[in-house]
Amino acid sequence: MVLLIAILVAFFLVPMPWSLLVLALGIAGEVGEIVWGRRLARRWRPRTGAEAMVGQTAVVASACRPTGQVRIHGEIWTARCEAGADPGDRVSVDAVDGLTLVVSPGAE
């Protein structure tokens, strides 16, 4: 976008010797924008999906003895809790096994 504006300004509004400078600045701005955007994209990787829930706290929706359901981030997931947990208890997500969360009681 910056490059297109620089080309239009360079050819229609700026006299000839300065138009090359405007065009060079537009190209440099475009390259800088691309480099900056790529660095941000690498740094801010989105954390989504089931793997992002490891370490989060969930609330038991139906008794987990050893399988049941938990609510996490407004969604209900199938969970497995070897120690057992009752509805309303807070549990910690330890791992993900397919689409089943492995949880343990005692989360704060």
Protein backbone atom coordinates (compact mmCIF):
# COMPACT_ATOMS: atom_id res chain seq x y z
CA MET A 1 0.00 0.00 0.00
CA VAL A 2 2.81 2.41 0.90
CA LEU A 3 4.59 1.56 -2.32
CA LEU A 4 1.53 2.32 -4.45
CA ILE A 5 1.03 5.70 -2.81
CA ALA A 6 4.74 6.52 -3.23
CA ILE A 7 4.60 5.70 -6.94
CA LEU A 8 1.52 7.87 -7.47
CA VAL A 9 3.00 10.79 -5.55
CA ALA A 10 6.36 10.43 -7.29
CA PHE A 11 4.98 10.51 -10.81
CA PHE A 12 2.15 13.02 -10.50
CA LEU A 13 3.01 15.50 -7.77
CA VAL A 14 6.80 15.71 -7.40
CA PRO A 15 9.23 17.13 -9.99
CA MET A 16 11.56 14.61 -11.66
CA PRO A 17 14.75 14.64 -9.57
CA TRP A 18 12.76 14.41 -6.31
CA SER A 19 10.38 11.76 -7.59
CA LEU A 20 13.15 9.15 -7.42
CA LEU A 21 13.76 10.04 -3.77
CA VAL A 22 10.04 9.71 -2.98
CA LEU A 23 9.95 6.37 -4.77
CA ALA A 24 13.04 5.11 -2.88
CA LEU A 25 11.52 6.19 0.45
CA GLY A 26 8.29 4.38 -0.43
CA ILE A 27 10.16 1.18 -1.25
CA ALA A 28 12.18 1.42 1.97
CA GLY A 29 8.98 1.98 3.96
CA GLU A 30 7.32 -1.04 2.37
CA VAL A 31 10.32 -3.30 3.04
CA GLY A 32 10.47 -2.04 6.64
CA GLU A 33 6.78 -2.74 7.12
CA ILE A 34 7.15 -6.30 5.83
CA VAL A 35 10.19 -7.00 8.03
CA TRP A 36 8.45 -5.54 11.10
CA GLY A 37 5.26 -7.53 10.43
CA ARG A 38 7.14 -10.81 10.02
CA ARG A 39 9.01 -10.28 13.30
CA LEU A 40 5.74 -9.64 15.12
CA ALA A 41 4.12 -12.69 13.56
CA ARG A 42 6.99 -14.90 14.77
CA ARG A 43 6.91 -13.50 18.29
CA TRP A 44 3.15 -13.67 18.83
CA ARG A 45 2.31 -17.25 18.00
CA PRO A 46 -1.33 -17.90 18.78
CA ARG A 47 -1.95 -20.46 21.48
CA THR A 48 -5.11 -22.28 20.51
CA GLY A 49 -6.49 -25.76 20.58
CA ALA A 50 -6.43 -28.43 23.21
CA GLU A 51 -2.66 -28.23 23.80
CA ALA A 52 -3.01 -24.62 24.99
CA MET A 53 -5.19 -25.78 27.90
CA VAL A 54 -2.42 -27.67 29.72
CA GLY A 55 -1.88 -25.93 33.05
CA GLN A 56 -5.28 -24.19 33.01
CA THR A 57 -7.97 -24.58 35.67
CA ALA A 58 -11.28 -26.26 34.83
CA VAL A 59 -14.51 -26.84 36.77
CA VAL A 60 -15.98 -30.34 36.91
CA ALA A 61 -19.41 -30.44 35.21
CA SER A 62 -20.18 -34.13 35.77
CA ALA A 63 -18.41 -36.48 38.18
CA CYS A 64 -15.02 -37.70 36.98
CA ARG A 65 -14.68 -41.23 38.36
CA PRO A 66 -12.47 -41.79 36.33
CA THR A 67 -14.15 -40.18 33.29
CA GLY A 68 -16.56 -37.29 33.22
CA GLN A 69 -16.85 -33.78 31.87
CA VAL A 70 -15.21 -30.46 32.75
CA ARG A 71 -15.94 -26.88 31.73
CA ILE A 72 -13.00 -24.78 30.60
CA HIS A 73 -13.17 -21.43 28.75
CA GLY A 74 -16.93 -21.87 28.34
CA GLU A 75 -16.59 -25.25 26.63
CA ILE A 76 -17.38 -28.71 27.96
CA TRP A 77 -14.67 -31.32 27.46
CA THR A 78 -14.46 -35.02 28.26
CA ALA A 79 -11.99 -35.50 31.09
CA ARG A 80 -10.23 -38.31 32.92
CA CYS A 81 -9.33 -37.91 36.60
CA GLU A 82 -7.77 -40.98 38.22
CA ALA A 83 -8.16 -39.52 41.75
CA GLY A 84 -11.81 -38.65 41.13
CA ALA A 85 -13.57 -35.28 41.33
CA ASP A 86 -17.14 -34.18 42.05
CA PRO A 87 -19.22 -31.57 40.18
CA GLY A 88 -18.17 -28.04 41.09
CA ASP A 89 -14.60 -29.03 42.05
CA ARG A 90 -11.72 -27.16 40.46
CA VAL A 91 -9.19 -29.32 38.65
CA SER A 92 -5.95 -28.67 36.82
CA VAL A 93 -5.42 -29.83 33.24
CA ASP A 94 -2.26 -31.98 33.19
CA ALA A 95 -2.28 -33.34 29.63
CA VAL A 96 -4.35 -33.88 26.51
CA ASP A 97 -5.05 -37.40 25.22
CA GLY A 98 -6.81 -37.04 21.88
CA LEU A 99 -9.92 -35.05 22.76
CA THR A 100 -9.86 -36.08 26.42
CA LEU A 101 -8.29 -33.86 29.05
CA VAL A 102 -6.27 -35.57 31.78
CA VAL A 103 -6.96 -33.63 34.97
CA SER A 104 -6.00 -33.76 38.62
CA PRO A 105 -7.88 -32.32 41.62
CA GLY A 106 -6.72 -29.52 43.84
CA ALA A 107 -6.39 -26.58 41.42
CA GLU A 108 -6.69 -23.12 42.94
